[in-house]
């Protein structure tokens, strides 16, 4: 048996398991430590930086108005200001700033035939080192369908507004927008199996016998951890199945497909509201890390220039529309409230990871979470001083609990990307347009 990790096996499925201290006796010190995971979350349209940026630097800073949702996890978060993405300057503002969020390189102007972002994205660079070590090398998620077609004002493909993950400079990884497909992918369910008996049974029923045989090998704390993990799998599976059954008809089921034709219906109809869909995807991220199904996740909270409206927080306007505030106080307030909501979702993710025990700490201690946008002020389409947060201690490598401000003409965002690679155990000296490291 592999002492570092194990799968529960069932008919047609493999369910990855959390890191168990009981199963690492006799392992090397490196193997006896929980694995590190990394997640990259992109929110659209930038932020009102006057209310994003804390006034003080260092560990004794006061949270800014937009960052107030982080109050309960402030000591788990690193605020970074002054990071730049210089290669976004030449080109269409939104499209040239989103697609290269994790590459940092120039986006190729095109109507779609020869897309390119200058290099492999950070998540896929990392994923290459985990091939064969987890069920899936990476999980790529999005809460909105992939956009297609061409922005005829600038003659750029709209694909760039929906993609941040690239396995090569010219080949994107298409995000999964269907929670059911994402859930099945985590647990090695084939499409055929999902449509036959496996799809009609609970995942836990399929692996229950193997779970019973594993329990005697675990210590008391690990048995509790196993029970909590299986409860989480069941809870999320039930929610995914509910969303699937509530859709019902084939016409409604098509709302989950990444089709531009169905985009309006996707945003306005279906069993899951936008907040519910986003939170379900974040719960899948937690489950994936908790079970070590993957160690790399990238997620777009919405497409850039999204038309998603925010009635649920009293802002019945499209996020892209209010980001072009032109200095109007009322629009700035709406812009601020939308960004606060996104920060609240990040804070909830940080809290969820922190509440899961692992090793001598918690799951968050063994994660690196990057949360940010490819634009600064959406009104100016600025790529200087990007809104960026890090959370998780990365096994002790990330200096959380403070605000770091970088000054000067150019401190590349890729300096942070290079630091993430090093923290994850990859001895890279350079990534994208990096010219140094953050930590």
Protein backbone atom coordinates (compact mmCIF):
# COMPACT_ATOMS: atom_id res chain seq x y z
CA UNK A 1 0.00 0.00 0.00
CA UNK A 2 1.19 3.48 -0.79
CA UNK A 3 1.97 5.01 2.62
CA UNK A 4 1.54 8.59 1.46
CA UNK A 5 -2.03 8.42 0.13
CA UNK A 6 -4.79 5.98 -0.66
CA UNK A 7 -8.01 5.68 -2.67
CA UNK A 8 -11.28 4.10 -1.72
CA UNK A 9 -12.23 1.79 -4.57
CA UNK A 10 -15.71 0.94 -5.80
CA UNK A 11 -17.39 -0.29 -8.95
CA UNK A 12 -16.36 2.23 -11.58
CA UNK A 13 -15.11 4.86 -9.13
CA UNK A 14 -12.05 5.86 -7.14
CA UNK A 15 -12.52 8.22 -4.21
CA UNK A 16 -9.31 9.91 -3.11
CA UNK A 17 -8.71 10.28 0.60
CA UNK A 18 -7.37 12.96 2.95
CA UNK A 19 -3.84 12.82 4.29
CA UNK A 20 -3.86 10.42 7.26
CA UNK A 21 -1.08 10.48 9.82
CA UNK A 22 -1.89 6.86 10.68
CA UNK A 23 -0.73 5.76 7.23
CA UNK A 24 2.66 7.48 7.16
CA UNK A 25 4.50 5.61 9.91
CA UNK A 26 8.02 4.80 8.74
CA UNK A 27 7.93 7.30 5.90
CA UNK A 28 10.66 9.85 5.28
CA UNK A 29 10.18 13.27 6.96
CA UNK A 30 9.18 14.79 3.60
CA UNK A 31 6.59 12.08 2.96
CA UNK A 32 5.21 12.38 6.50
CA UNK A 33 4.17 15.99 5.92
CA UNK A 34 0.81 16.81 4.29
CA UNK A 35 1.07 17.78 0.60
CA UNK A 36 0.90 21.39 -0.51
CA UNK A 37 -1.96 22.64 -2.70
CA UNK A 38 -2.40 25.81 -4.73
CA UNK A 39 -5.54 27.58 -5.98
CA UNK A 40 -5.85 30.60 -8.24
CA UNK A 41 -9.07 32.59 -8.23
CA UNK A 42 -9.79 35.43 -10.65
CA UNK A 43 -12.55 37.98 -10.14
CA UNK A 44 -13.54 40.34 -13.00
CA UNK A 45 -13.32 44.06 -13.69
CA UNK A 46 -10.77 45.12 -11.10
CA UNK A 47 -11.59 47.14 -7.97
CA UNK A 48 -11.98 50.68 -6.66
CA UNK A 49 -8.43 50.80 -5.38
CA UNK A 50 -8.93 53.76 -3.04
CA UNK A 51 -11.11 51.51 -0.87
CA UNK A 52 -9.14 48.32 -1.53
CA UNK A 53 -5.67 49.47 -0.45
CA UNK A 54 -4.88 49.54 3.30
CA UNK A 55 -3.33 52.79 4.50
CA UNK A 56 -0.60 51.07 6.53
CA UNK A 57 1.94 48.41 5.59
CA UNK A 58 3.43 45.60 7.65
CA UNK A 59 1.67 43.39 10.21
CA UNK A 60 -0.12 46.20 12.05
CA UNK A 61 -2.24 47.41 9.15
CA UNK A 62 -5.95 48.23 9.30
CA UNK A 63 -8.19 46.52 6.80
CA UNK A 64 -9.55 48.83 4.11
CA UNK A 65 -13.32 49.15 3.54
CA UNK A 66 -13.40 46.56 0.74
CA UNK A 67 -11.24 44.11 2.70
CA UNK A 68 -13.37 44.23 5.87
CA UNK A 69 -14.82 40.73 5.20
CA UNK A 70 -11.32 39.39 5.96
CA UNK A 71 -11.45 40.54 9.60
CA UNK A 72 -11.84 37.04 11.03
CA UNK A 73 -8.99 35.65 8.90
CA UNK A 74 -6.71 38.69 8.66
CA UNK A 75 -3.78 36.79 10.17
CA UNK A 76 -4.14 34.16 7.41
CA UNK A 77 -4.01 36.67 4.54
CA UNK A 78 -1.22 38.53 2.76
CA UNK A 79 -2.27 41.76 1.04
CA UNK A 80 -0.03 42.74 -1.89
CA UNK A 81 -0.24 46.11 -3.61
CA UNK A 82 1.91 47.61 -6.33
CA UNK A 83 2.13 44.48 -8.51
CA UNK A 84 1.99 45.19 -12.25
CA UNK A 85 1.21 43.28 -15.42
CA UNK A 86 3.10 45.35 -17.97
CA UNK A 87 2.48 42.97 -20.87
CA UNK A 88 -1.24 43.78 -20.73
CA UNK A 89 -0.69 47.42 -21.72
CA UNK A 90 -0.59 46.97 -25.50
CA UNK A 91 -3.94 45.55 -26.52
CA UNK A 92 -7.65 45.47 -25.71
CA UNK A 93 -8.12 46.23 -22.04
CA UNK A 94 -10.28 43.40 -20.69
CA UNK A 95 -9.27 40.66 -23.10
CA UNK A 96 -5.54 41.42 -22.82
CA UNK A 97 -5.68 41.50 -19.02
CA UNK A 98 -7.67 38.38 -18.21
CA UNK A 99 -6.17 35.67 -20.42
CA UNK A 100 -2.63 36.35 -19.15
CA UNK A 101 -3.50 36.53 -15.44
CA UNK A 102 -1.47 33.36 -14.84
CA UNK A 103 1.10 33.77 -17.62
CA UNK A 104 2.04 37.45 -17.31
CA UNK A 105 2.99 37.58 -20.98
CA UNK A 106 1.54 39.39 -24.00
CA UNK A 107 -1.80 38.25 -25.41
CA UNK A 108 -1.84 37.82 -29.17
CA UNK A 109 -4.38 40.03 -31.00
CA UNK A 110 -6.60 37.69 -32.99
CA UNK A 111 -10.19 36.99 -33.95
CA UNK A 112 -9.69 33.41 -32.82
CA UNK A 113 -7.64 31.38 -35.29
CA UNK A 114 -4.26 31.80 -33.65
CA UNK A 115 -4.86 32.53 -29.97
CA UNK A 116 -1.83 32.84 -27.75
CA UNK A 117 -0.79 34.16 -24.34
CA UNK A 118 2.99 33.94 -24.47
CA UNK A 119 3.49 30.90 -22.28
CA UNK A 120 2.07 28.17 -20.08
CA UNK A 121 -0.07 29.37 -17.16
CA UNK A 122 1.08 29.06 -13.56
CA UNK A 123 -1.55 26.47 -12.64
CA UNK A 124 -0.65 24.17 -15.54
CA UNK A 125 3.07 24.60 -14.91
CA UNK A 126 2.42 23.34 -11.39
CA UNK A 127 0.04 20.60 -12.53
CA UNK A 128 2.78 19.06 -14.66
CA UNK A 129 4.69 18.16 -11.50
CA UNK A 130 1.71 16.27 -10.04
CA UNK A 131 0.88 13.98 -12.95
CA UNK A 132 0.36 10.49 -11.55
CA UNK A 133 0.30 11.72 -7.94
CA UNK A 134 -3.38 12.67 -7.76
CA UNK A 135 -6.57 11.60 -9.52
CA UNK A 136 -6.46 14.67 -11.75
CA UNK A 137 -3.41 16.93 -12.25
CA UNK A 138 -5.54 20.07 -12.00
CA UNK A 139 -9.12 21.25 -11.74
CA UNK A 140 -10.14 24.20 -13.94
CA UNK A 141 -13.50 25.75 -13.04
CA UNK A 142 -15.65 28.70 -14.06
CA UNK A 143 -18.99 30.00 -12.86
CA UNK A 144 -20.08 31.25 -16.29
CA UNK A 145 -20.10 29.72 -19.78
CA UNK A 146 -17.12 30.27 -22.04
CA UNK A 147 -17.74 33.17 -24.38
CA UNK A 148 -17.23 32.74 -28.10
CA UNK A 149 -17.36 35.08 -31.06
CA UNK A 150 -15.50 38.31 -31.73
CA UNK A 151 -15.59 41.75 -30.15
CA UNK A 152 -16.01 43.68 -33.37
CA UNK A 153 -15.04 46.98 -31.76
CA UNK A 154 -11.46 45.80 -31.32
CA UNK A 155 -11.49 42.62 -33.47
CA UNK A 156 -10.35 40.35 -30.63
CA UNK A 157 -11.78 36.93 -29.81
CA UNK A 158 -14.06 36.85 -26.78
CA UNK A 159 -12.48 33.57 -25.69
CA UNK A 160 -9.81 35.58 -23.92
CA UNK A 161 -12.38 36.90 -21.43
CA UNK A 162 -13.19 33.36 -20.22
CA UNK A 163 -9.79 31.66 -20.01
CA UNK A 164 -6.94 31.89 -17.50
CA UNK A 165 -5.57 28.33 -17.72
CA UNK A 166 -3.19 27.40 -20.58
CA UNK A 167 -1.29 24.13 -20.99
CA UNK A 168 0.75 25.74 -23.77
CA UNK A 169 0.95 29.31 -25.03
CA UNK A 170 -1.56 28.47 -27.76
CA UNK A 171 -3.71 25.76 -26.12
CA UNK A 172 -6.13 26.73 -23.34
CA UNK A 173 -7.63 24.38 -20.79
CA UNK A 174 -11.37 24.82 -21.14
CA UNK A 175 -12.98 25.36 -17.73
CA UNK A 176 -15.66 23.09 -16.33
CA UNK A 177 -18.87 25.00 -15.73
CA UNK A 178 -21.10 22.05 -14.84
CA UNK A 179 -20.91 21.12 -11.12
CA UNK A 180 -21.99 17.54 -11.84
CA UNK A 181 -19.21 17.03 -14.38
CA UNK A 182 -16.68 18.60 -12.04
CA UNK A 183 -17.81 16.35 -9.19
CA UNK A 184 -17.67 13.21 -11.35
CA UNK A 185 -14.24 14.20 -12.67
CA UNK A 186 -12.87 14.43 -9.14
CA UNK A 187 -13.91 10.87 -8.40
CA UNK A 188 -12.93 9.18 -11.63
CA UNK A 189 -16.45 8.63 -12.95
CA UNK A 190 -16.58 8.08 -16.70
CA UNK A 191 -19.42 9.65 -18.65
CA UNK A 192 -20.69 6.17 -19.50
CA UNK A 193 -20.64 5.04 -15.87
CA UNK A 194 -22.29 8.23 -14.73
CA UNK A 195 -25.14 7.51 -17.12
CA UNK A 196 -25.58 3.89 -16.00
CA UNK A 197 -25.78 2.35 -12.54
CA UNK A 198 -23.05 4.56 -11.06
CA UNK A 199 -25.02 7.67 -11.87
CA UNK A 200 -28.07 6.25 -10.07
CA UNK A 201 -26.25 5.30 -6.88
CA UNK A 202 -24.63 7.45 -4.28
CA UNK A 203 -20.88 7.63 -4.63
CA UNK A 204 -20.48 6.66 -0.97
CA UNK A 205 -22.53 3.49 -1.48
CA UNK A 206 -20.03 2.40 -4.13
CA UNK A 207 -16.98 2.75 -1.86
CA UNK A 208 -18.52 1.90 1.51
CA UNK A 209 -17.08 -1.62 1.71
CA UNK A 210 -13.55 -0.35 1.10
CA UNK A 211 -14.09 2.39 3.69
CA UNK A 212 -15.03 -0.23 6.30
CA UNK A 213 -11.85 -2.19 5.59
CA UNK A 214 -9.73 0.94 5.98
CA UNK A 215 -11.12 2.09 9.35
CA UNK A 216 -9.24 -0.48 11.52
CA UNK A 217 -5.93 0.81 10.11
CA UNK A 218 -6.62 4.36 11.27
CA UNK A 219 -6.05 6.02 14.61
CA UNK A 220 -8.89 7.64 16.52
CA UNK A 221 -8.32 11.14 15.11
CA UNK A 222 -7.99 9.83 11.56
CA UNK A 223 -11.22 7.83 11.90
CA UNK A 224 -12.96 11.06 12.84
CA UNK A 225 -11.31 12.78 9.89
CA UNK A 226 -12.50 10.02 7.53
CA UNK A 227 -16.08 10.32 8.79
CA UNK A 228 -16.06 14.10 8.38
CA UNK A 229 -14.64 13.81 4.87
CA UNK A 230 -17.23 11.24 3.78
CA UNK A 231 -19.98 13.45 5.24
CA UNK A 232 -18.67 16.34 3.12
CA UNK A 233 -18.66 14.19 -0.01
CA UNK A 234 -22.23 13.13 0.66
CA UNK A 235 -23.39 16.69 1.31
CA UNK A 236 -21.90 18.07 -1.89
CA UNK A 237 -23.05 15.08 -3.94
CA UNK A 238 -26.61 15.63 -2.71
CA UNK A 239 -26.45 19.31 -3.65
CA UNK A 240 -25.08 18.51 -7.10
CA UNK A 241 -27.74 15.85 -7.66
CA UNK A 242 -30.44 18.30 -6.56
CA UNK A 243 -29.25 20.90 -9.05
CA UNK A 244 -29.20 18.22 -11.75
CA UNK A 245 -32.68 16.85 -10.99
CA UNK A 246 -34.18 20.31 -10.60
CA UNK A 247 -33.12 21.18 -14.12
CA UNK A 248 -35.20 18.36 -15.54
CA UNK A 249 -35.72 18.85 -19.24
CA UNK A 250 -33.08 18.60 -21.96
CA UNK A 251 -33.69 22.24 -22.83
CA UNK A 252 -32.98 23.33 -19.27
CA UNK A 253 -30.00 20.99 -19.01
CA UNK A 254 -28.43 22.85 -21.92
CA UNK A 255 -28.14 25.87 -19.64
CA UNK A 256 -25.08 24.20 -18.10
CA UNK A 257 -23.25 23.97 -21.43
CA UNK A 258 -20.68 26.67 -22.27
CA UNK A 259 -22.71 28.06 -25.15
CA UNK A 260 -22.89 31.75 -25.94
CA UNK A 261 -26.39 31.24 -27.31
CA UNK A 262 -27.61 30.08 -23.91
CA UNK A 263 -25.70 32.69 -21.94
CA UNK A 264 -28.67 34.89 -21.15
CA UNK A 265 -30.76 31.92 -20.02
CA UNK A 266 -27.87 30.59 -17.96
CA UNK A 267 -27.64 33.81 -16.01
CA UNK A 268 -31.37 34.21 -15.43
CA UNK A 269 -32.82 30.70 -15.10
CA UNK A 270 -32.04 27.30 -13.63
CA UNK A 271 -32.12 25.76 -10.17
CA UNK A 272 -28.95 27.46 -8.95
CA UNK A 273 -28.59 31.19 -8.62
CA UNK A 274 -25.21 32.72 -9.41
CA UNK A 275 -24.22 32.90 -5.70
CA UNK A 276 -25.31 29.30 -5.16
CA UNK A 277 -23.38 28.10 -8.19
CA UNK A 278 -20.23 29.96 -7.13
CA UNK A 279 -20.40 28.62 -3.59
CA UNK A 280 -20.94 25.08 -4.83
CA UNK A 281 -17.84 25.37 -7.01
CA UNK A 282 -15.84 26.65 -4.02
CA UNK A 283 -17.09 23.73 -1.95
CA UNK A 284 -15.86 21.39 -4.68
CA UNK A 285 -12.47 23.09 -4.45
CA UNK A 286 -12.36 22.42 -0.70
CA UNK A 287 -13.40 18.82 -1.22
CA UNK A 288 -10.76 18.32 -3.92
CA UNK A 289 -8.02 19.61 -1.61
CA UNK A 290 -9.36 17.79 1.43
CA UNK A 291 -9.35 14.47 -0.40
CA UNK A 292 -6.11 15.16 -2.29
CA UNK A 293 -7.97 14.51 -5.55
CA UNK A 294 -5.91 17.33 -7.03
CA UNK A 295 -3.37 19.81 -5.71
CA UNK A 296 -3.96 22.57 -8.28
CA UNK A 297 -7.20 24.46 -8.93
CA UNK A 298 -7.89 27.54 -11.03
CA UNK A 299 -11.27 29.22 -11.02
CA UNK A 300 -12.90 32.19 -12.70
CA UNK A 301 -15.58 33.64 -10.44
CA UNK A 302 -17.07 35.22 -13.57
CA UNK A 303 -15.98 36.10 -17.07
CA UNK A 304 -14.28 39.43 -17.46
CA UNK A 305 -16.66 42.13 -18.71
CA UNK A 306 -19.43 39.92 -17.33
CA UNK A 307 -23.05 41.00 -17.62
CA UNK A 308 -23.89 39.21 -14.35
CA UNK A 309 -26.10 41.43 -12.22
CA UNK A 310 -26.13 41.56 -8.42
CA UNK A 311 -29.74 41.98 -7.33
CA UNK A 312 -29.00 39.66 -4.41
CA UNK A 313 -26.91 42.43 -2.78
CA UNK A 314 -29.11 45.29 -3.93
CA UNK A 315 -27.15 46.13 -7.09
CA UNK A 316 -29.41 45.30 -10.07
CA UNK A 317 -26.73 46.28 -12.56
CA UNK A 318 -24.09 44.43 -14.56
CA UNK A 319 -20.68 44.37 -12.89
CA UNK A 320 -18.91 45.54 -16.04
CA UNK A 321 -21.31 48.45 -16.38
CA UNK A 322 -20.67 49.82 -12.89
CA UNK A 323 -16.90 49.33 -13.19
CA UNK A 324 -16.99 52.14 -15.78
CA UNK A 325 -17.97 54.58 -13.07
CA UNK A 326 -16.37 57.71 -14.62
CA UNK A 327 -15.91 59.05 -11.12
CA UNK A 328 -19.64 58.96 -10.34
CA UNK A 329 -20.08 58.42 -6.59
CA UNK A 330 -23.20 56.26 -6.95
CA UNK A 331 -21.54 53.95 -9.49
CA UNK A 332 -18.39 53.75 -7.38
CA UNK A 333 -20.52 52.64 -4.43
CA UNK A 334 -22.08 49.87 -6.54
CA UNK A 335 -18.64 48.86 -7.81
CA UNK A 336 -17.37 48.72 -4.23
CA UNK A 337 -20.28 46.59 -3.03
CA UNK A 338 -19.78 44.02 -5.80
CA UNK A 339 -16.08 43.72 -4.98
CA UNK A 340 -16.86 43.37 -1.26
CA UNK A 341 -19.13 40.45 -2.15
CA UNK A 342 -16.30 38.73 -4.03
CA UNK A 343 -13.98 39.26 -1.05
CA UNK A 344 -16.64 37.72 1.19
CA UNK A 345 -16.58 34.56 -0.94
CA UNK A 346 -12.80 34.40 -0.64
CA UNK A 347 -13.01 34.86 3.13
CA UNK A 348 -15.53 32.00 3.31
CA UNK A 349 -13.13 29.76 1.38
CA UNK A 350 -10.24 30.64 3.69
CA UNK A 351 -12.42 29.92 6.72
CA UNK A 352 -13.59 26.57 5.35
CA UNK A 353 -10.02 25.40 4.73
CA UNK A 354 -8.89 26.60 8.15
CA UNK A 355 -11.60 24.58 9.89
CA UNK A 356 -10.35 21.24 8.51
CA UNK A 357 -7.65 19.63 10.70
CA UNK A 358 -4.63 18.21 8.90
CA UNK A 359 -1.28 17.07 10.28
CA UNK A 360 -0.15 19.33 13.09
CA UNK A 361 -2.35 22.19 11.88
CA UNK A 362 -5.13 22.61 9.37
CA UNK A 363 -5.69 22.29 5.64
CA UNK A 364 -5.19 26.02 5.06
CA UNK A 365 -1.68 25.75 6.52
CA UNK A 366 -0.78 23.51 3.56
CA UNK A 367 -2.38 25.66 0.86
CA UNK A 368 -1.44 28.70 -1.19
CA UNK A 369 -4.45 30.67 -2.42
CA UNK A 370 -4.07 33.54 -4.89
CA UNK A 371 -7.10 35.79 -5.30
CA UNK A 372 -7.03 38.75 -7.65
CA UNK A 373 -8.03 40.48 -10.86
CA UNK A 374 -6.16 41.17 -14.08
CA UNK A 375 -7.25 44.81 -13.94
CA UNK A 376 -6.79 47.49 -11.32
CA UNK A 377 -9.38 50.25 -11.76
CA UNK A 378 -11.88 48.97 -14.29
CA UNK A 379 -12.81 52.46 -15.38
CA UNK A 380 -9.26 53.25 -16.55
CA UNK A 381 -8.50 49.69 -17.69
CA UNK A 382 -5.37 50.01 -15.58
CA UNK A 383 -2.86 47.16 -15.26
CA UNK A 384 -0.74 48.85 -12.60
CA UNK A 385 -1.18 48.13 -8.88
CA UNK A 386 -3.40 45.07 -9.27
CA UNK A 387 -5.73 43.97 -6.44
CA UNK A 388 -4.10 40.78 -5.15
CA UNK A 389 -4.45 38.69 -2.00
CA UNK A 390 -2.69 35.54 -0.86
CA UNK A 391 -3.93 33.20 1.85
CA UNK A 392 -2.61 30.01 3.39
CA UNK A 393 0.84 29.46 4.81
CA UNK A 394 2.15 27.13 2.12
CA UNK A 395 3.76 24.91 4.73
CA UNK A 396 5.36 27.95 6.38
CA UNK A 397 6.67 29.73 3.29
CA UNK A 398 4.10 32.54 2.93
CA UNK A 399 4.46 35.63 5.19
CA UNK A 400 0.75 36.02 5.90
CA UNK A 401 -0.78 38.50 8.31
CA UNK A 402 0.61 41.66 6.73
CA UNK A 403 0.35 44.17 3.90
CA UNK A 404 3.27 44.36 1.48
CA UNK A 405 3.43 47.40 -0.80
CA UNK A 406 5.77 47.52 -3.79
CA UNK A 407 6.87 50.81 -5.27
CA UNK A 408 8.71 51.67 -8.45
CA UNK A 409 8.00 51.45 -12.13
CA UNK A 410 7.48 47.71 -12.41
CA UNK A 411 7.18 44.93 -9.86
CA UNK A 412 5.73 42.15 -12.01
CA UNK A 413 2.85 40.01 -10.85
CA UNK A 414 5.01 37.15 -12.11
CA UNK A 415 7.37 37.76 -9.18
CA UNK A 416 4.54 36.39 -7.07
CA UNK A 417 4.00 33.52 -9.51
CA UNK A 418 7.67 32.58 -9.27
CA UNK A 419 7.43 32.68 -5.48
CA UNK A 420 4.44 30.34 -5.56
CA UNK A 421 6.40 27.85 -7.67
CA UNK A 422 9.27 27.91 -5.19
CA UNK A 423 6.92 27.54 -2.22
CA UNK A 424 5.35 24.51 -3.90
CA UNK A 425 8.78 22.88 -4.17
CA UNK A 426 9.62 23.74 -7.77
CA UNK A 427 13.05 25.44 -7.95
CA UNK A 428 12.18 27.88 -10.73
CA UNK A 429 14.43 30.91 -11.09
CA UNK A 430 12.15 32.69 -13.52
CA UNK A 431 8.51 32.69 -14.64
CA UNK A 432 6.89 34.90 -17.26
CA UNK A 433 8.34 38.41 -16.98
CA UNK A 434 9.52 37.99 -13.38
CA UNK A 435 12.58 39.91 -12.23
CA UNK A 436 12.67 38.69 -8.62
CA UNK A 437 10.61 37.05 -5.90
CA UNK A 438 8.13 38.19 -3.27
CA UNK A 439 8.94 35.54 -0.64
